[in-house]
C-alpha atoms as a PDB file:
ATOM      1  CA  UNK A   1     -16.066  -7.934  -3.368  1.00  0.00           C
ATOM      2  CA  UNK A   2     -13.315  -7.763  -0.995  1.00  0.00           C
ATOM      3  CA  UNK A   3     -11.646  -5.295   0.131  1.00  0.00           C
ATOM      4  CA  UNK A   4      -8.388  -5.617   1.927  1.00  0.00           C
ATOM      5  CA  UNK A   5      -6.345  -1.813   4.151  1.00  0.00           C
ATOM      6  CA  UNK A   6      -3.192  -3.036   5.020  1.00  0.00           C
ATOM      7  CA  UNK A   7      -1.103  -0.437   7.923  1.00  0.00           C
ATOM      8  CA  UNK A   8       2.215   0.271   6.692  1.00  0.00           C
ATOM      9  CA  UNK A   9       4.836   2.741   7.121  1.00  0.00           C
ATOM     10  CA  UNK A  10       6.002   5.107   4.960  1.00  0.00           C
ATOM     11  CA  UNK A  11       8.908   4.092   3.593  1.00  0.00           C
ATOM     12  CA  UNK A  12       8.935   1.449   1.158  1.00  0.00           C
ATOM     13  CA  UNK A  13      10.072   1.720  -2.705  1.00  0.00           C
ATOM     14  CA  UNK A  14       6.697   1.088  -5.693  1.00  0.00           C
ATOM     15  CA  UNK A  15       7.649  -1.614  -6.038  1.00  0.00           C
ATOM     16  CA  UNK A  16       8.005  -3.105  -3.277  1.00  0.00           C
ATOM     17  CA  UNK A  17       4.201  -1.795  -2.924  1.00  0.00           C
ATOM     18  CA  UNK A  18       3.484  -3.519  -6.315  1.00  0.00           C
ATOM     19  CA  UNK A  19       4.580  -7.150  -5.002  1.00  0.00           C
ATOM     20  CA  UNK A  20       2.583  -6.106  -1.545  1.00  0.00           C
ATOM     21  CA  UNK A  21      -0.583  -5.448  -3.572  1.00  0.00           C
ATOM     22  CA  UNK A  22       0.297  -8.448  -5.825  1.00  0.00           C
ATOM     23  CA  UNK A  23       0.743 -11.307  -2.766  1.00  0.00           C
ATOM     24  CA  UNK A  24      -2.178 -10.232  -0.709  1.00  0.00           C
ATOM     25  CA  UNK A  25      -4.151  -9.546  -4.129  1.00  0.00           C
ATOM     26  CA  UNK A  26      -3.728 -14.169  -4.851  1.00  0.00           C
ATOM     27  CA  UNK A  27      -3.872 -14.746  -1.321  1.00  0.00           C
ATOM     28  CA  UNK A  28      -7.976 -13.589  -1.488  1.00  0.00           C
ATOM     29  CA  UNK A  29      -8.756 -14.893  -4.303  1.00  0.00           C
ATOM     30  CA  UNK A  30      -7.272 -18.293  -3.426  1.00  0.00           C
ATOM     31  CA  UNK A  31      -9.295 -18.482  -0.425  1.00  0.00           C
ATOM     32  CA  UNK A  32     -12.370 -16.034  -0.808  1.00  0.00           C
ATOM     33  CA  UNK A  33     -13.144 -18.046  -4.124  1.00  0.00           C
ATOM     34  CA  UNK A  34     -14.024 -14.332  -5.308  1.00  0.00           C
ATOM     35  CA  UNK A  35     -11.878 -12.262  -8.558  1.00  0.00           C
ATOM     36  CA  UNK A  36      -9.119 -10.586  -8.853  1.00  0.00           C
ATOM     37  CA  UNK A  37     -10.835  -7.747 -10.499  1.00  0.00           C
ATOM     38  CA  UNK A  38     -13.101  -7.982  -7.264  1.00  0.00           C
ATOM     39  CA  UNK A  39     -10.208  -7.402  -5.195  1.00  0.00           C
ATOM     40  CA  UNK A  40      -9.587  -4.383  -3.649  1.00  0.00           C
ATOM     41  CA  UNK A  41      -6.185  -3.058  -1.464  1.00  0.00           C
ATOM     42  CA  UNK A  42      -5.431  -0.199   0.016  1.00  0.00           C
ATOM     43  CA  UNK A  43      -2.744   0.756   1.650  1.00  0.00           C
ATOM     44  CA  UNK A  44      -2.858   3.323   4.620  1.00  0.00           C
ATOM     45  CA  UNK A  45       1.269   5.231   5.120  1.00  0.00           C
ATOM     46  CA  UNK A  46       2.108   6.317   8.357  1.00  0.00           C
ATOM     47  CA  UNK A  47       5.549   8.052   8.673  1.00  0.00           C
ATOM     48  CA  UNK A  48       6.999   7.300  11.155  1.00  0.00           C
ATOM     49  CA  UNK A  49       6.803  10.040  13.071  1.00  0.00           C
ATOM     50  CA  UNK A  50       3.557   9.780  13.822  1.00  0.00           C
ATOM     51  CA  UNK A  51       3.271   5.963  15.091  1.00  0.00           C
ATOM     52  CA  UNK A  52       5.058   4.059  18.246  1.00  0.00           C
ATOM     53  CA  UNK A  53       4.707   1.530  19.684  1.00  0.00           C
ATOM     54  CA  UNK A  54       5.243   0.722  23.515  1.00  0.00           C
ATOM     55  CA  UNK A  55       5.542   4.895  23.642  1.00  0.00           C
ATOM     56  CA  UNK A  56       7.956   5.549  22.229  1.00  0.00           C
ATOM     57  CA  UNK A  57       8.171   7.202  17.565  1.00  0.00           C
ATOM     58  CA  UNK A  58       8.818   4.728  15.131  1.00  0.00           C
ATOM     59  CA  UNK A  59      11.292   7.672  14.091  1.00  0.00           C
ATOM     60  CA  UNK A  60      12.273   7.668  17.790  1.00  0.00           C
ATOM     61  CA  UNK A  61      13.465   3.853  16.748  1.00  0.00           C
ATOM     62  CA  UNK A  62      16.636   2.446  16.609  1.00  0.00           C
ATOM     63  CA  UNK A  63      17.597   0.836  13.100  1.00  0.00           C
ATOM     64  CA  UNK A  64      16.656  -2.623  13.279  1.00  0.00           C
END
């Protein structure tokens, strides 16, 4: 039973998360020879004030 864990910054809509889980599940089914019912996808959301890159918090970075 494959399990995929995705670490992602907070802020995505429920619709975006649904699409992400659906697409990841389909990719695992296609490439791992399993069924959708056997695939677990966990989205681990992190606050922008709790994660940084290059020594700078994401909450303090200029918008892209």
